[in-house]
N, C-alpha and C. Protein backbone atom coordinates (compact mmCIF):
# COMPACT_ATOMS: atom_id res chain seq x y z
N UNK A 1 29.00 2.63 64.14
CA UNK A 1 27.68 2.34 63.50
C UNK A 1 27.44 1.05 62.71
N UNK A 2 26.76 0.17 62.86
CA UNK A 2 26.64 -1.00 62.21
C UNK A 2 25.89 -0.89 60.93
N UNK A 3 26.33 -1.75 59.78
CA UNK A 3 25.71 -1.59 58.50
C UNK A 3 24.44 -2.39 58.50
N UNK A 4 23.39 -2.21 57.83
CA UNK A 4 22.29 -2.89 57.89
C UNK A 4 22.32 -3.76 56.60
N UNK A 5 22.20 -5.12 56.62
CA UNK A 5 22.19 -5.84 55.49
C UNK A 5 20.59 -6.39 55.22
N UNK A 6 20.34 -6.34 54.16
CA UNK A 6 18.67 -6.58 53.90
C UNK A 6 19.11 -8.01 52.67
N UNK A 7 18.20 -8.97 53.28
CA UNK A 7 18.18 -10.14 52.68
C UNK A 7 17.02 -10.12 51.46
N UNK A 8 17.57 -10.32 50.10
CA UNK A 8 16.48 -10.39 49.27
C UNK A 8 15.36 -11.43 49.55
N UNK A 9 14.19 -11.08 49.43
CA UNK A 9 13.12 -11.80 49.67
C UNK A 9 12.66 -12.68 48.53
N UNK A 10 12.45 -13.90 48.72
CA UNK A 10 12.08 -14.79 47.58
C UNK A 10 10.71 -15.17 47.65
N UNK A 11 10.03 -15.64 46.66
CA UNK A 11 8.43 -15.93 46.47
C UNK A 11 8.13 -17.06 47.77
N UNK A 12 9.19 -18.11 48.14
CA UNK A 12 8.67 -18.84 49.04
C UNK A 12 8.91 -18.45 50.38
N UNK A 13 9.39 -17.41 50.51
CA UNK A 13 9.33 -16.67 52.03
C UNK A 13 8.39 -15.75 52.17
N UNK A 14 7.58 -15.33 51.04
CA UNK A 14 6.68 -14.18 51.70
C UNK A 14 5.61 -14.83 52.49
N UNK A 15 4.79 -14.21 52.84
CA UNK A 15 3.78 -14.62 53.94
C UNK A 15 2.53 -14.78 52.51
N UNK A 16 1.66 -15.81 52.81
CA UNK A 16 0.55 -16.10 52.13
C UNK A 16 -0.40 -14.95 52.11
N UNK A 17 -0.92 -14.64 50.95
CA UNK A 17 -1.97 -13.41 50.86
C UNK A 17 -2.48 -13.78 49.34
N UNK A 18 -3.02 -12.48 48.99
CA UNK A 18 -3.85 -12.38 47.75
C UNK A 18 -2.67 -12.36 46.58
N UNK A 19 -2.78 -12.90 45.44
CA UNK A 19 -1.84 -12.78 44.46
C UNK A 19 -1.63 -11.43 44.01
N UNK A 20 -0.19 -11.08 43.57
CA UNK A 20 0.13 -9.89 43.21
C UNK A 20 -0.71 -9.34 42.09
N UNK A 21 -1.07 -8.14 41.83
CA UNK A 21 -1.65 -7.57 40.84
C UNK A 21 -0.80 -7.48 39.74
N UNK A 22 -1.41 -7.22 38.52
CA UNK A 22 -0.33 -6.92 37.34
C UNK A 22 -0.01 -8.03 36.40
N UNK A 23 0.95 -7.71 35.66
CA UNK A 23 1.39 -8.70 34.71
C UNK A 23 2.34 -9.62 35.40
N UNK A 24 2.76 -11.02 35.35
CA UNK A 24 3.45 -11.83 35.80
C UNK A 24 5.11 -11.22 35.60
N UNK A 25 5.71 -11.66 36.78
CA UNK A 25 7.36 -11.07 36.39
C UNK A 25 7.72 -12.02 34.86
N UNK A 26 8.74 -11.46 34.53
CA UNK A 26 9.49 -12.14 33.47
C UNK A 26 9.98 -13.73 34.12
N UNK A 27 10.02 -14.58 33.00
CA UNK A 27 10.17 -15.94 33.44
C UNK A 27 11.65 -16.17 33.52
N UNK A 28 12.53 -15.81 34.09
CA UNK A 28 13.94 -15.93 34.27
C UNK A 28 14.72 -15.17 33.27
N UNK A 29 14.23 -14.55 32.26
CA UNK A 29 14.72 -14.10 31.36
C UNK A 29 14.89 -12.56 31.74
N UNK A 30 16.22 -12.13 31.23
CA UNK A 30 16.72 -10.75 31.17
C UNK A 30 15.80 -9.85 30.40
N UNK A 31 15.35 -8.73 31.22
CA UNK A 31 14.41 -7.73 30.55
C UNK A 31 14.95 -7.51 29.20
N UNK A 32 14.07 -7.31 28.08
CA UNK A 32 14.64 -6.75 26.84
C UNK A 32 15.09 -5.17 26.80
N UNK A 33 16.18 -5.24 26.23
CA UNK A 33 16.75 -3.94 26.10
C UNK A 33 16.81 -3.35 24.63
N UNK A 34 16.74 -2.06 24.52
CA UNK A 34 16.81 -1.60 23.28
C UNK A 34 18.33 -1.51 22.69
N UNK A 35 18.59 -1.72 21.42
CA UNK A 35 20.05 -1.70 20.96
C UNK A 35 20.45 -0.26 21.35
N UNK A 36 21.76 -0.38 21.45
CA UNK A 36 22.50 0.89 21.73
C UNK A 36 21.99 1.86 20.78
N UNK A 37 21.90 3.12 21.11
CA UNK A 37 21.76 4.35 20.28
C UNK A 37 20.19 4.25 19.71
N UNK A 38 19.47 3.37 20.27
CA UNK A 38 17.94 3.64 19.83
C UNK A 38 17.21 3.84 20.88
N UNK A 39 16.03 4.48 20.78
CA UNK A 39 15.11 4.73 21.86
C UNK A 39 13.83 4.46 21.18
N UNK A 40 12.66 4.28 22.08
CA UNK A 40 11.37 3.98 21.56
C UNK A 40 10.83 5.34 20.53
N UNK A 41 11.16 6.52 21.04
CA UNK A 41 10.92 7.68 20.30
C UNK A 41 11.08 7.56 18.90
N UNK A 42 12.48 6.88 18.53
CA UNK A 42 12.83 6.75 16.95
C UNK A 42 11.69 6.01 16.36
N UNK A 43 10.82 5.40 16.57
CA UNK A 43 9.88 4.56 15.76
C UNK A 43 8.51 5.28 15.79
N UNK A 44 8.42 6.36 16.39
CA UNK A 44 7.36 7.24 16.51
C UNK A 44 6.98 7.93 15.02
N UNK A 45 5.93 7.60 14.53
CA UNK A 45 5.57 8.01 13.20
C UNK A 45 5.09 9.57 13.20
N UNK A 46 5.55 10.26 12.27
CA UNK A 46 5.14 12.01 12.33
C UNK A 46 3.66 12.03 12.37
N UNK A 47 3.06 13.04 12.90
CA UNK A 47 1.68 13.13 13.16
C UNK A 47 0.88 13.26 11.79
N UNK A 48 1.62 13.71 10.56
CA UNK A 48 0.96 13.90 9.54
C UNK A 48 0.36 12.60 8.65
N UNK A 49 0.52 11.22 9.21
CA UNK A 49 0.22 10.17 8.51
C UNK A 49 -0.34 9.15 9.61
N UNK A 50 -1.46 8.50 9.15
CA UNK A 50 -2.18 7.53 9.86
C UNK A 50 -1.10 6.43 10.21
N UNK A 51 -1.28 5.71 11.25
CA UNK A 51 0.02 4.96 11.76
C UNK A 51 -0.91 3.42 11.57
N UNK A 52 -0.09 2.68 10.90
CA UNK A 52 -0.49 1.28 10.73
C UNK A 52 0.00 0.38 11.93
N UNK A 53 -0.92 -0.35 12.35
CA UNK A 53 -0.42 -1.08 13.66
C UNK A 53 0.52 -2.13 13.46
N UNK A 54 0.27 -2.98 12.57
CA UNK A 54 1.44 -4.11 12.47
C UNK A 54 2.31 -3.76 11.34
N UNK A 55 3.39 -4.53 11.60
CA UNK A 55 4.45 -4.21 10.35
C UNK A 55 3.78 -4.48 9.03
N UNK A 56 4.11 -3.57 8.02
CA UNK A 56 3.55 -4.01 6.65
C UNK A 56 4.38 -5.22 6.17
N UNK A 57 3.90 -5.99 5.27
CA UNK A 57 4.23 -7.19 4.59
C UNK A 57 4.74 -6.75 3.39
N UNK A 58 5.90 -7.63 2.97
CA UNK A 58 6.51 -7.57 1.57
C UNK A 58 5.64 -7.25 0.55
N UNK A 59 4.79 -8.56 0.47
CA UNK A 59 3.93 -8.92 -0.72
C UNK A 59 2.80 -7.76 -0.85
N UNK A 60 2.27 -7.17 0.32
CA UNK A 60 1.32 -6.22 0.21
C UNK A 60 1.89 -4.77 -0.09
N UNK A 61 3.12 -4.53 -0.18
CA UNK A 61 3.48 -3.14 -0.82
C UNK A 61 4.20 -3.63 -1.95
N UNK A 62 4.79 -4.91 -2.43
CA UNK A 62 5.34 -4.88 -3.83
C UNK A 62 4.38 -5.19 -4.76
N UNK A 63 3.52 -6.10 -4.70
CA UNK A 63 2.39 -6.41 -5.45
C UNK A 63 1.61 -5.53 -6.15
N UNK A 64 1.41 -4.32 -5.43
CA UNK A 64 0.61 -2.92 -6.05
C UNK A 64 1.70 -2.51 -6.97
N UNK A 65 2.87 -2.24 -6.42
CA UNK A 65 3.99 -1.53 -7.13
C UNK A 65 4.23 -2.12 -8.41
N UNK A 66 4.36 -3.60 -8.45
CA UNK A 66 4.59 -4.28 -9.57
C UNK A 66 3.50 -4.29 -10.68
N UNK A 67 2.35 -4.21 -10.04
CA UNK A 67 1.19 -4.04 -10.81
C UNK A 67 1.06 -2.78 -11.57
N UNK A 68 1.41 -1.78 -10.95
CA UNK A 68 1.57 -0.44 -11.40
C UNK A 68 2.54 -0.42 -12.39
N UNK A 69 3.52 -1.07 -12.13
CA UNK A 69 4.89 -0.88 -13.22
C UNK A 69 4.32 -1.89 -14.50
N UNK A 70 3.64 -2.87 -14.34
CA UNK A 70 3.13 -3.55 -15.55
C UNK A 70 2.00 -2.56 -16.35
N UNK A 71 1.42 -2.14 -15.51
CA UNK A 71 0.26 -1.07 -16.13
C UNK A 71 1.07 0.00 -17.14
N UNK A 72 2.33 0.63 -16.63
CA UNK A 72 3.13 1.30 -17.29
C UNK A 72 3.61 0.58 -18.44
N UNK A 73 4.07 -0.56 -18.30
CA UNK A 73 4.74 -1.29 -19.31
C UNK A 73 3.81 -1.66 -20.50
N UNK A 74 2.36 -1.85 -20.25
CA UNK A 74 1.33 -1.93 -20.95
C UNK A 74 1.01 -0.78 -21.90
N UNK A 75 1.26 0.49 -21.10
CA UNK A 75 0.98 1.75 -21.87
C UNK A 75 2.18 2.13 -22.47
N UNK A 76 3.40 1.54 -22.35
CA UNK A 76 4.56 1.81 -23.01
C UNK A 76 4.60 1.13 -24.24
N UNK A 77 4.00 -0.18 -24.47
CA UNK A 77 3.75 -0.94 -25.53
C UNK A 77 2.97 -0.22 -26.41
N UNK A 78 2.02 0.33 -26.03
CA UNK A 78 1.16 1.33 -27.07
C UNK A 78 1.96 2.42 -27.66
N UNK A 79 2.95 2.99 -26.73
CA UNK A 79 3.70 4.06 -27.24
C UNK A 79 4.76 3.63 -28.07
N UNK A 80 5.19 2.33 -27.77
CA UNK A 80 6.51 1.94 -28.45
C UNK A 80 6.20 1.93 -29.86
N UNK A 81 4.73 1.46 -30.31
CA UNK A 81 4.67 1.26 -31.64
C UNK A 81 4.58 2.65 -32.24
N UNK A 82 4.51 3.65 -31.58
CA UNK A 82 4.72 5.01 -31.86
C UNK A 82 6.10 5.51 -32.19
N UNK A 83 6.91 4.81 -31.50
CA UNK A 83 8.50 4.95 -31.58
C UNK A 83 9.02 5.53 -30.18
N UNK A 84 8.25 5.42 -29.07
CA UNK A 84 8.98 6.16 -28.04
C UNK A 84 9.56 4.99 -27.10
N UNK A 85 11.01 5.17 -27.52
CA UNK A 85 12.08 4.22 -26.50
C UNK A 85 12.34 4.57 -25.08
N UNK A 86 12.47 5.99 -25.15
CA UNK A 86 12.74 6.41 -23.62
C UNK A 86 11.72 6.00 -22.51
N UNK A 87 10.59 5.76 -23.01
CA UNK A 87 9.46 5.41 -22.16
C UNK A 87 9.72 3.97 -21.48
N UNK A 88 10.38 3.13 -22.45
CA UNK A 88 10.57 1.60 -22.06
C UNK A 88 11.75 1.63 -21.19
N UNK A 89 12.74 2.65 -21.38
CA UNK A 89 13.79 2.77 -20.51
C UNK A 89 13.65 3.14 -19.24
N UNK A 90 12.38 4.06 -19.06
CA UNK A 90 12.00 4.58 -17.79
C UNK A 90 11.63 3.38 -16.81
N UNK A 91 10.62 2.61 -17.64
CA UNK A 91 9.94 1.42 -16.96
C UNK A 91 10.99 0.46 -16.63
N UNK A 92 11.96 0.20 -17.39
CA UNK A 92 13.15 -0.77 -16.82
C UNK A 92 13.77 -0.25 -15.82
N UNK A 93 14.23 1.01 -15.81
CA UNK A 93 14.88 1.67 -14.37
C UNK A 93 13.86 1.31 -13.18
N UNK A 94 12.61 1.95 -13.48
CA UNK A 94 11.61 1.38 -12.31
C UNK A 94 11.75 0.11 -11.76
N UNK A 95 11.76 -0.67 -12.75
CA UNK A 95 12.03 -2.11 -12.41
C UNK A 95 13.15 -2.58 -11.66
N UNK A 96 14.37 -2.18 -12.11
CA UNK A 96 15.33 -2.27 -11.33
C UNK A 96 15.54 -1.85 -9.90
N UNK A 97 14.83 -0.49 -9.98
CA UNK A 97 14.72 0.16 -8.50
C UNK A 97 13.91 -0.69 -7.38
N UNK A 98 12.68 -1.10 -8.03
CA UNK A 98 11.74 -1.83 -7.32
C UNK A 98 12.31 -3.39 -6.72
N UNK A 99 13.41 -3.93 -7.78
CA UNK A 99 14.29 -5.01 -7.32
C UNK A 99 14.95 -4.61 -6.26
N UNK A 100 15.73 -3.47 -6.07
CA UNK A 100 16.51 -3.12 -4.93
C UNK A 100 15.51 -3.08 -3.68
N UNK A 101 14.37 -2.32 -3.68
CA UNK A 101 13.62 -2.27 -2.61
C UNK A 101 13.05 -3.77 -2.16
N UNK A 102 12.78 -4.61 -3.05
CA UNK A 102 12.76 -5.86 -2.38
C UNK A 102 13.80 -6.55 -2.04
N UNK A 103 14.93 -6.39 -2.39
CA UNK A 103 16.23 -7.09 -1.90
C UNK A 103 16.36 -6.60 -0.58
N UNK A 104 16.34 -5.14 -0.25
CA UNK A 104 16.69 -4.63 1.01
C UNK A 104 15.62 -5.03 1.98
N UNK A 105 14.18 -5.05 1.70
CA UNK A 105 13.17 -5.42 2.54
C UNK A 105 13.42 -6.96 3.04
N UNK A 106 13.56 -7.73 1.90
CA UNK A 106 13.74 -9.27 2.38
C UNK A 106 14.89 -9.41 3.17
N UNK A 107 16.29 -8.53 2.99
CA UNK A 107 17.32 -8.85 3.54
C UNK A 107 17.20 -7.86 4.96
N UNK A 108 15.93 -7.39 5.47
CA UNK A 108 15.86 -6.95 6.62
C UNK A 108 16.56 -5.59 7.07
N UNK A 109 16.86 -4.81 5.81
CA UNK A 109 17.36 -3.71 5.84
C UNK A 109 16.87 -2.45 5.91
N UNK A 110 15.60 -2.62 5.95
CA UNK A 110 14.40 -1.53 6.06
C UNK A 110 13.94 -1.32 7.55
N UNK A 111 14.07 -0.33 8.01
CA UNK A 111 13.28 -0.07 9.48
C UNK A 111 11.59 -0.29 9.18
N UNK A 112 11.13 -0.30 10.34
CA UNK A 112 9.77 -0.45 10.35
C UNK A 112 9.08 0.73 10.12
N UNK A 113 9.42 2.21 10.23
CA UNK A 113 8.89 3.08 9.78
C UNK A 113 8.85 3.45 8.65
N UNK A 114 9.73 2.72 7.70
CA UNK A 114 9.92 2.81 6.20
C UNK A 114 8.90 1.91 5.58
N UNK A 115 8.78 0.82 6.23
CA UNK A 115 7.84 -0.18 5.81
C UNK A 115 6.57 0.17 5.90
N UNK A 116 6.13 0.79 7.25
CA UNK A 116 4.83 1.32 7.32
C UNK A 116 4.48 2.37 6.19
N UNK A 117 5.40 3.19 6.26
CA UNK A 117 5.04 4.39 5.09
C UNK A 117 4.96 4.01 3.77
N UNK A 118 5.80 2.99 3.55
CA UNK A 118 5.45 2.45 2.11
C UNK A 118 4.14 1.75 1.96
N UNK A 119 3.78 1.04 2.85
CA UNK A 119 2.56 0.42 2.78
C UNK A 119 1.45 1.85 2.77
N UNK A 120 1.40 2.83 3.23
CA UNK A 120 0.64 3.92 3.39
C UNK A 120 0.55 4.47 1.89
N UNK A 121 1.84 4.51 1.42
CA UNK A 121 2.01 5.15 0.04
C UNK A 121 1.41 4.19 -1.04
N UNK A 122 1.55 2.79 -0.84
CA UNK A 122 0.77 2.10 -1.94
C UNK A 122 -0.76 2.16 -1.85
N UNK A 123 -1.06 2.40 -0.44
CA UNK A 123 -2.66 2.62 -0.45
C UNK A 123 -3.16 3.80 -1.17
N UNK A 124 -2.47 4.79 -1.10
CA UNK A 124 -2.62 6.06 -1.86
C UNK A 124 -2.63 6.09 -3.09
N UNK A 125 -1.28 5.30 -3.61
CA UNK A 125 -1.21 4.96 -5.09
C UNK A 125 -2.49 4.33 -5.54
N UNK A 126 -2.65 3.26 -4.91
CA UNK A 126 -4.03 2.39 -5.31
C UNK A 126 -5.31 3.01 -5.31
N UNK A 127 -5.35 3.96 -4.59
CA UNK A 127 -6.56 5.06 -4.72
C UNK A 127 -6.61 6.13 -5.39
N UNK A 128 -5.47 6.27 -6.24
CA UNK A 128 -5.29 7.41 -7.15
C UNK A 128 -5.13 8.62 -6.24
N UNK A 129 -4.50 8.79 -5.15
CA UNK A 129 -4.50 9.87 -4.39
C UNK A 129 -2.76 10.26 -4.63
N UNK A 130 -2.65 10.88 -5.55
CA UNK A 130 -1.30 11.04 -6.29
C UNK A 130 -0.55 12.12 -5.33
N UNK A 131 -1.17 13.32 -4.80
CA UNK A 131 -0.54 14.10 -3.93
C UNK A 131 -0.27 13.46 -2.56
N UNK A 132 -1.09 12.81 -2.05
CA UNK A 132 -0.72 12.11 -0.67
C UNK A 132 0.42 11.13 -0.94
N UNK A 133 0.25 10.45 -2.00
CA UNK A 133 1.57 9.41 -2.46
C UNK A 133 2.59 10.32 -2.40
N UNK A 134 2.83 11.22 -3.19
CA UNK A 134 4.01 12.03 -3.20
C UNK A 134 4.25 12.68 -1.97
N UNK A 135 3.34 12.95 -1.10
CA UNK A 135 3.73 13.69 0.21
C UNK A 135 4.48 12.55 1.11
N UNK A 136 3.91 11.23 1.00
CA UNK A 136 4.77 10.38 1.70
C UNK A 136 5.91 10.07 1.32
N UNK A 137 6.13 10.26 -0.17
CA UNK A 137 7.49 9.84 -0.77
C UNK A 137 8.71 10.98 -0.33
N UNK A 138 7.88 12.04 -0.40
CA UNK A 138 8.81 13.33 0.35
C UNK A 138 9.14 13.11 1.95
N UNK A 139 8.21 12.68 2.52
CA UNK A 139 8.57 12.50 3.81
C UNK A 139 9.57 11.43 4.25
N UNK A 140 9.44 10.24 3.23
CA UNK A 140 10.44 9.04 3.46
C UNK A 140 11.92 9.69 2.88
N UNK A 141 12.05 10.49 1.82
CA UNK A 141 13.19 11.16 1.45
C UNK A 141 13.80 11.95 2.49
N UNK A 142 13.11 12.62 3.09
CA UNK A 142 13.58 13.66 4.12
C UNK A 142 13.89 12.97 5.60
N UNK A 143 12.95 11.99 5.94
CA UNK A 143 13.29 11.20 7.25
C UNK A 143 14.37 10.18 7.17
N UNK A 144 14.35 9.38 5.95
CA UNK A 144 14.99 8.15 5.95
C UNK A 144 15.85 7.97 4.59
N UNK A 145 16.48 9.28 4.41
CA UNK A 145 17.16 9.15 3.07
C UNK A 145 18.15 8.01 2.79
N UNK A 146 18.93 7.75 3.89
CA UNK A 146 20.11 6.78 3.73
C UNK A 146 19.44 5.34 3.40
N UNK A 147 18.17 5.12 4.01
CA UNK A 147 17.65 3.90 3.67
C UNK A 147 16.99 3.73 2.38
N UNK A 148 16.18 4.94 1.66
CA UNK A 148 15.43 4.67 0.43
C UNK A 148 16.15 5.20 -0.76
N UNK A 149 17.39 6.23 -0.61
CA UNK A 149 17.66 6.68 -1.70
C UNK A 149 18.03 5.72 -2.88
N UNK A 150 18.43 4.45 -2.87
CA UNK A 150 18.72 3.68 -4.05
C UNK A 150 17.39 3.36 -4.84
N UNK A 151 16.30 3.48 -4.14
CA UNK A 151 15.04 2.75 -4.79
C UNK A 151 13.81 3.92 -5.10
N UNK A 152 14.06 5.02 -4.06
CA UNK A 152 12.79 5.70 -4.24
C UNK A 152 12.69 6.54 -5.26
N UNK A 153 13.55 6.79 -6.10
CA UNK A 153 13.53 7.42 -7.28
C UNK A 153 12.66 6.77 -8.07
N UNK A 154 12.74 5.44 -8.16
CA UNK A 154 11.72 4.45 -8.85
C UNK A 154 10.30 4.77 -8.61
N UNK A 155 10.36 4.68 -7.26
CA UNK A 155 8.86 5.00 -6.57
C UNK A 155 8.24 6.18 -6.74
N UNK A 156 8.92 7.09 -7.23
CA UNK A 156 8.47 8.53 -7.41
C UNK A 156 8.07 8.69 -9.14
N UNK A 157 8.96 7.90 -9.85
CA UNK A 157 8.87 7.86 -11.13
C UNK A 157 7.46 7.07 -11.46
N UNK A 158 7.35 5.98 -10.72
CA UNK A 158 5.88 5.27 -10.67
C UNK A 158 4.91 6.10 -10.59
N UNK A 159 4.92 6.91 -9.67
CA UNK A 159 3.76 7.76 -9.00
C UNK A 159 3.35 8.59 -10.19
N UNK A 160 4.50 9.02 -10.75
CA UNK A 160 4.30 10.10 -11.95
C UNK A 160 3.83 9.38 -13.28
N UNK A 161 4.25 8.19 -13.29
CA UNK A 161 3.84 7.53 -14.63
C UNK A 161 2.02 7.30 -14.38
N UNK A 162 1.99 6.69 -13.36
CA UNK A 162 0.41 6.46 -13.03
C UNK A 162 -0.46 7.74 -12.91
N UNK A 163 0.01 8.82 -12.50
CA UNK A 163 -0.68 10.04 -12.60
C UNK A 163 -0.90 10.61 -13.94
N UNK A 164 0.21 10.31 -14.67
CA UNK A 164 0.22 10.67 -16.14
C UNK A 164 -0.77 10.11 -16.83
N UNK A 165 -0.92 8.72 -16.73
CA UNK A 165 -1.78 7.60 -17.13
C UNK A 165 -3.02 8.13 -16.87
N UNK A 166 -3.42 8.24 -15.73
CA UNK A 166 -4.70 8.63 -15.29
C UNK A 166 -5.22 9.59 -15.88
N UNK A 167 -4.61 10.89 -15.97
CA UNK A 167 -4.91 12.06 -16.44
C UNK A 167 -5.19 12.17 -18.07
N UNK A 168 -4.56 11.33 -18.79
CA UNK A 168 -4.59 10.76 -20.05
C UNK A 168 -5.95 10.02 -20.32
N UNK A 169 -6.05 9.17 -19.45
CA UNK A 169 -7.28 8.42 -19.46
C UNK A 169 -8.79 8.99 -19.14
N UNK A 170 -8.61 10.14 -18.32
CA UNK A 170 -9.67 11.04 -18.14
C UNK A 170 -9.82 11.91 -19.22
N UNK A 171 -8.94 12.49 -19.97
CA UNK A 171 -8.86 13.20 -21.02
C UNK A 171 -9.59 12.43 -22.27
N UNK A 172 -9.34 11.37 -22.32
CA UNK A 172 -9.86 10.52 -23.43
C UNK A 172 -11.41 10.22 -23.04
N UNK A 173 -11.63 9.88 -21.87
CA UNK A 173 -12.97 9.69 -21.31
C UNK A 173 -14.00 11.02 -21.57
N UNK A 174 -13.27 12.11 -21.44
CA UNK A 174 -14.25 13.26 -21.21
C UNK A 174 -14.29 13.63 -22.97
N UNK A 175 -13.30 13.40 -23.92
CA UNK A 175 -13.60 13.60 -25.11
C UNK A 175 -14.44 12.63 -25.86
N UNK A 176 -14.60 11.32 -25.27
CA UNK A 176 -15.70 10.40 -25.75
C UNK A 176 -17.04 10.82 -25.40
N UNK A 177 -17.18 11.30 -23.99
CA UNK A 177 -18.47 11.88 -23.59
C UNK A 177 -18.91 13.28 -24.37
N UNK A 178 -18.10 13.86 -24.70
CA UNK A 178 -18.58 15.05 -25.41
C UNK A 178 -18.97 14.47 -27.08
N UNK A 179 -18.39 13.53 -27.48
CA UNK A 179 -18.55 12.99 -28.74
C UNK A 179 -19.99 12.55 -28.78
N UNK A 180 -20.24 11.61 -27.76
CA UNK A 180 -21.66 11.11 -27.55
C UNK A 180 -22.73 12.03 -27.39
N UNK A 181 -22.31 13.28 -26.65
CA UNK A 181 -23.39 14.35 -26.39
C UNK A 181 -23.71 15.06 -27.60
N UNK A 182 -22.76 14.97 -28.55
CA UNK A 182 -23.00 16.03 -29.73
C UNK A 182 -23.69 15.13 -30.87
N UNK A 183 -23.65 13.68 -30.59
CA UNK A 183 -24.39 13.08 -31.71
C UNK A 183 -25.98 13.28 -31.83
N UNK A 184 -26.39 13.26 -33.00
CA UNK A 184 -28.12 13.27 -32.95
C UNK A 184 -28.49 12.07 -33.26
N UNK A 185 -29.75 11.83 -32.67
CA UNK A 185 -30.32 10.71 -32.79
C UNK A 185 -31.41 10.65 -34.00
N UNK A 186 -31.34 9.82 -34.75
CA UNK A 186 -32.07 9.67 -35.76
C UNK A 186 -33.71 9.78 -35.48
N UNK A 187 -34.46 10.60 -36.33
CA UNK A 187 -35.93 10.50 -35.95
C UNK A 187 -36.29 11.70 -34.88
N UNK A 188 -35.26 12.04 -34.21
CA UNK A 188 -35.52 13.20 -33.18
C UNK A 188 -34.87 14.63 -33.50
N UNK A 189 -36.05 15.48 -33.28
CA UNK A 189 -35.38 16.82 -33.62
C UNK A 189 -35.48 17.58 -32.52
N UNK A 190 -34.50 18.51 -32.44
CA UNK A 190 -34.57 19.26 -31.03
C UNK A 190 -35.58 20.41 -31.30
N UNK A 191 -36.44 20.57 -30.19
CA UNK A 191 -37.19 22.08 -30.39
C UNK A 191 -36.30 23.26 -30.40
N UNK A 192 -36.97 24.08 -31.35
CA UNK A 192 -36.23 25.59 -31.61
C UNK A 192 -36.14 26.50 -30.27
């Protein structure tokens, strides 16, 4: 029995006809391969969170976090006049942990899913959606603990500080509204 040899057909040897459909073949480059041990499924986001299409930018995540920290520091200055040193220490610790986040992000040590979820967390934090921000924080701690453990405690504290400040602000506003409602207007008498 004779072996059959099939010669590879090149483009110049094909018969003329309609151009092939679909995307053009790769231009002499080897097909891109995934690194060993990774799969396309590893970058799939959990269904509980909306997916951000493009990779999050470091500035879009860090700027709101740093602004929230500055708000906390401003609140701390108010408290430090009353003698609260521990609040200043909390803010300093948050600042150190945010610096670690920035260092790891800039050094390429954070995966795309972590970056995307941090962008979502910052959106929720900026929208005063404390529970949603906490949920994203928790999911990052569960799914990516080795990547986020050094700095995520600072983000959690920042969420808690912003929530606390917001609830104090709301309480003070409610007290102000009650005080305004209880004032009497000169020359105006209420009907009995």
